[in-house]
Amino acid sequence: MASLTFVLDEGLKERMARFAWVNWSVLVREVLVEKERKFKDLVRRLNSEEEQELIKWSVDIGRRAKKGRFKKLLRELS
């Protein structure tokens, strides 16, 4: 297992010392594991077929809107 070290300012270190009964390593580990799980879930959803179709559709709509706007600007300049 990897090891991480954090540098804390004195104020935070003092506030944490008030809770000596808290195992900060376990708490941080649990938070990081939960964040990783949420991140993996987000990546899975973004890579889903439904999301990919939505991305393609929105990119297509954006390109169409820009293309129409560019033609309109060209006509206004002429």
N, C-alpha and C. Protein backbone atom coordinates (compact mmCIF):
# COMPACT_ATOMS: atom_id res chain seq x y z
N MET A 1 0.84 -1.17 0.00
CA MET A 1 0.00 0.00 0.00
C MET A 1 0.89 1.24 0.00
N ALA A 2 0.48 2.24 -0.75
CA ALA A 2 1.24 3.48 -0.84
C ALA A 2 1.08 4.30 0.43
N SER A 3 2.00 5.21 0.63
CA SER A 3 1.96 6.08 1.80
C SER A 3 1.93 7.52 1.32
N LEU A 4 1.08 8.33 1.94
CA LEU A 4 0.99 9.76 1.62
C LEU A 4 1.30 10.57 2.87
N THR A 5 1.94 11.71 2.68
CA THR A 5 2.22 12.61 3.78
C THR A 5 1.68 13.98 3.40
N PHE A 6 0.94 14.60 4.32
CA PHE A 6 0.39 15.93 4.09
C PHE A 6 1.04 16.91 5.06
N VAL A 7 1.30 18.09 4.57
CA VAL A 7 1.81 19.16 5.41
C VAL A 7 0.62 20.03 5.79
N LEU A 8 0.42 20.22 7.09
CA LEU A 8 -0.71 21.00 7.59
C LEU A 8 -0.20 22.27 8.24
N ASP A 9 -0.98 23.33 8.11
CA ASP A 9 -0.58 24.54 8.83
C ASP A 9 -0.85 24.32 10.32
N GLU A 10 -0.22 25.13 11.15
CA GLU A 10 -0.30 24.94 12.60
C GLU A 10 -1.73 25.03 13.13
N GLY A 11 -2.53 25.94 12.57
CA GLY A 11 -3.90 26.10 13.04
C GLY A 11 -4.72 24.84 12.83
N LEU A 12 -4.63 24.26 11.66
CA LEU A 12 -5.37 23.03 11.38
C LEU A 12 -4.85 21.89 12.24
N LYS A 13 -3.55 21.82 12.38
CA LYS A 13 -2.95 20.76 13.20
C LYS A 13 -3.45 20.85 14.65
N GLU A 14 -3.54 22.05 15.18
CA GLU A 14 -4.03 22.23 16.55
C GLU A 14 -5.51 21.84 16.66
N ARG A 15 -6.31 22.22 15.67
CA ARG A 15 -7.74 21.86 15.70
C ARG A 15 -7.91 20.34 15.61
N MET A 16 -7.09 19.70 14.79
CA MET A 16 -7.17 18.24 14.68
C MET A 16 -6.73 17.56 15.97
N ALA A 17 -5.77 18.17 16.68
CA ALA A 17 -5.26 17.58 17.92
C ALA A 17 -6.35 17.52 18.99
N ARG A 18 -7.35 18.40 18.89
CA ARG A 18 -8.46 18.38 19.85
C ARG A 18 -9.27 17.09 19.74
N PHE A 19 -9.17 16.46 18.59
CA PHE A 19 -9.91 15.22 18.35
C PHE A 19 -8.93 14.05 18.27
N ALA A 20 -8.20 13.87 19.34
CA ALA A 20 -7.15 12.84 19.37
C ALA A 20 -7.73 11.44 19.17
N TRP A 21 -9.00 11.25 19.48
CA TRP A 21 -9.64 9.95 19.35
C TRP A 21 -9.94 9.59 17.90
N VAL A 22 -9.81 10.57 16.97
CA VAL A 22 -10.09 10.31 15.55
C VAL A 22 -8.83 9.73 14.91
N ASN A 23 -9.00 8.64 14.20
CA ASN A 23 -7.90 8.07 13.43
C ASN A 23 -7.94 8.73 12.05
N TRP A 24 -7.17 9.79 11.91
CA TRP A 24 -7.23 10.60 10.69
C TRP A 24 -6.84 9.82 9.45
N SER A 25 -5.92 8.89 9.58
CA SER A 25 -5.50 8.08 8.43
C SER A 25 -6.67 7.26 7.89
N VAL A 26 -7.41 6.64 8.78
CA VAL A 26 -8.55 5.83 8.36
C VAL A 26 -9.62 6.72 7.74
N LEU A 27 -9.86 7.85 8.36
CA LEU A 27 -10.88 8.78 7.84
C LEU A 27 -10.52 9.25 6.43
N VAL A 28 -9.30 9.67 6.23
CA VAL A 28 -8.86 10.14 4.91
C VAL A 28 -8.91 9.01 3.90
N ARG A 29 -8.49 7.82 4.30
CA ARG A 29 -8.52 6.67 3.40
C ARG A 29 -9.95 6.39 2.93
N GLU A 30 -10.89 6.40 3.87
CA GLU A 30 -12.28 6.14 3.51
C GLU A 30 -12.83 7.20 2.57
N VAL A 31 -12.49 8.45 2.81
CA VAL A 31 -12.94 9.53 1.93
C VAL A 31 -12.36 9.35 0.53
N LEU A 32 -11.07 9.03 0.44
CA LEU A 32 -10.44 8.85 -0.86
C LEU A 32 -11.02 7.66 -1.61
N VAL A 33 -11.30 6.59 -0.91
CA VAL A 33 -11.89 5.41 -1.56
C VAL A 33 -13.27 5.76 -2.10
N GLU A 34 -14.07 6.50 -1.33
CA GLU A 34 -15.40 6.90 -1.78
C GLU A 34 -15.31 7.84 -2.98
N LYS A 35 -14.36 8.77 -2.97
CA LYS A 35 -14.18 9.68 -4.11
C LYS A 35 -13.78 8.89 -5.35
N GLU A 36 -12.91 7.90 -5.18
CA GLU A 36 -12.50 7.07 -6.32
C GLU A 36 -13.69 6.30 -6.88
N ARG A 37 -14.53 5.77 -6.01
CA ARG A 37 -15.71 5.03 -6.46
C ARG A 37 -16.64 5.94 -7.25
N LYS A 38 -16.85 7.17 -6.77
CA LYS A 38 -17.71 8.12 -7.47
C LYS A 38 -17.10 8.50 -8.82
N PHE A 39 -15.77 8.67 -8.85
CA PHE A 39 -15.09 9.02 -10.09
C PHE A 39 -15.23 7.90 -11.12
N LYS A 40 -15.04 6.67 -10.68
CA LYS A 40 -15.17 5.53 -11.60
C LYS A 40 -16.59 5.42 -12.13
N ASP A 41 -17.57 5.69 -11.26
CA ASP A 41 -18.97 5.66 -11.68
C ASP A 41 -19.24 6.75 -12.71
N LEU A 42 -18.69 7.94 -12.50
CA LEU A 42 -18.86 9.04 -13.45
C LEU A 42 -18.24 8.69 -14.80
N VAL A 43 -17.05 8.13 -14.79
CA VAL A 43 -16.38 7.75 -16.04
C VAL A 43 -17.19 6.68 -16.76
N ARG A 44 -17.72 5.71 -16.01
CA ARG A 44 -18.54 4.66 -16.62
C ARG A 44 -19.78 5.27 -17.29
N ARG A 45 -20.43 6.21 -16.61
CA ARG A 45 -21.62 6.84 -17.19
C ARG A 45 -21.27 7.69 -18.40
N LEU A 46 -20.14 8.40 -18.36
CA LEU A 46 -19.74 9.23 -19.50
C LEU A 46 -19.37 8.39 -20.71
N ASN A 47 -18.92 7.18 -20.48
CA ASN A 47 -18.54 6.29 -21.58
C ASN A 47 -19.70 5.44 -22.06
N SER A 48 -20.88 5.60 -21.47
CA SER A 48 -22.03 4.79 -21.88
C SER A 48 -22.46 5.17 -23.29
N GLU A 49 -23.11 4.25 -23.96
CA GLU A 49 -23.57 4.47 -25.33
C GLU A 49 -24.56 5.64 -25.38
N GLU A 50 -25.45 5.70 -24.41
CA GLU A 50 -26.45 6.78 -24.36
C GLU A 50 -25.77 8.15 -24.24
N GLU A 51 -24.76 8.24 -23.38
CA GLU A 51 -24.06 9.52 -23.19
C GLU A 51 -23.28 9.90 -24.44
N GLN A 52 -22.67 8.91 -25.09
CA GLN A 52 -21.92 9.18 -26.32
C GLN A 52 -22.85 9.70 -27.42
N GLU A 53 -24.05 9.15 -27.51
CA GLU A 53 -25.02 9.65 -28.49
C GLU A 53 -25.41 11.08 -28.18
N LEU A 54 -25.61 11.39 -26.91
CA LEU A 54 -25.96 12.75 -26.50
C LEU A 54 -24.83 13.72 -26.83
N ILE A 55 -23.59 13.30 -26.60
CA ILE A 55 -22.44 14.15 -26.91
C ILE A 55 -22.38 14.43 -28.41
N LYS A 56 -22.54 13.39 -29.23
CA LYS A 56 -22.51 13.57 -30.68
C LYS A 56 -23.63 14.51 -31.13
N TRP A 57 -24.82 14.33 -30.57
CA TRP A 57 -25.96 15.17 -30.92
C TRP A 57 -25.68 16.63 -30.56
N SER A 58 -25.17 16.88 -29.35
CA SER A 58 -24.94 18.26 -28.93
C SER A 58 -23.82 18.92 -29.73
N VAL A 59 -22.79 18.15 -30.09
CA VAL A 59 -21.71 18.70 -30.92
C VAL A 59 -22.27 19.06 -32.30
N ASP A 60 -23.11 18.18 -32.86
CA ASP A 60 -23.71 18.44 -34.16
C ASP A 60 -24.57 19.70 -34.12
N ILE A 61 -25.39 19.85 -33.09
CA ILE A 61 -26.23 21.05 -32.96
C ILE A 61 -25.36 22.30 -32.86
N GLY A 62 -24.29 22.22 -32.07
CA GLY A 62 -23.39 23.36 -31.93
C GLY A 62 -22.74 23.74 -33.24
N ARG A 63 -22.31 22.74 -34.00
CA ARG A 63 -21.69 23.02 -35.29
C ARG A 63 -22.67 23.64 -36.27
N ARG A 64 -23.91 23.13 -36.27
CA ARG A 64 -24.93 23.70 -37.15
C ARG A 64 -25.21 25.15 -36.80
N ALA A 65 -25.29 25.43 -35.51
CA ALA A 65 -25.57 26.80 -35.07
C ALA A 65 -24.43 27.74 -35.47
N LYS A 66 -23.21 27.29 -35.30
CA LYS A 66 -22.05 28.11 -35.67
C LYS A 66 -21.99 28.33 -37.16
N LYS A 67 -22.29 27.28 -37.93
CA LYS A 67 -22.24 27.38 -39.39
C LYS A 67 -23.26 28.41 -39.88
N GLY A 68 -24.47 28.35 -39.35
CA GLY A 68 -25.50 29.30 -39.73
C GLY A 68 -25.13 30.72 -39.33
N ARG A 69 -24.55 30.87 -38.17
CA ARG A 69 -24.16 32.19 -37.69
C ARG A 69 -23.04 32.75 -38.54
N PHE A 70 -22.09 31.92 -38.95
CA PHE A 70 -20.98 32.37 -39.78
C PHE A 70 -21.50 32.87 -41.13
N LYS A 71 -22.42 32.12 -41.73
CA LYS A 71 -22.98 32.55 -43.02
C LYS A 71 -23.72 33.88 -42.86
N LYS A 72 -24.46 34.05 -41.78
CA LYS A 72 -25.18 35.29 -41.53
C LYS A 72 -24.22 36.46 -41.37
N LEU A 73 -23.13 36.25 -40.67
CA LEU A 73 -22.13 37.31 -40.48
C LEU A 73 -21.49 37.69 -41.82
N LEU A 74 -21.22 36.69 -42.66
CA LEU A 74 -20.64 36.98 -43.97
C LEU A 74 -21.58 37.84 -44.82
N ARG A 75 -22.89 37.51 -44.77
CA ARG A 75 -23.85 38.31 -45.52
C ARG A 75 -23.92 39.73 -45.01
N GLU A 76 -23.83 39.90 -43.69
CA GLU A 76 -23.88 41.24 -43.11
C GLU A 76 -22.66 42.06 -43.49
N LEU A 77 -21.51 41.41 -43.66
CA LEU A 77 -20.29 42.11 -44.03
C LEU A 77 -20.27 42.47 -45.51
N SER A 78 -20.99 41.74 -46.33
CA SER A 78 -20.98 41.97 -47.78
C SER A 78 -21.78 43.18 -48.17
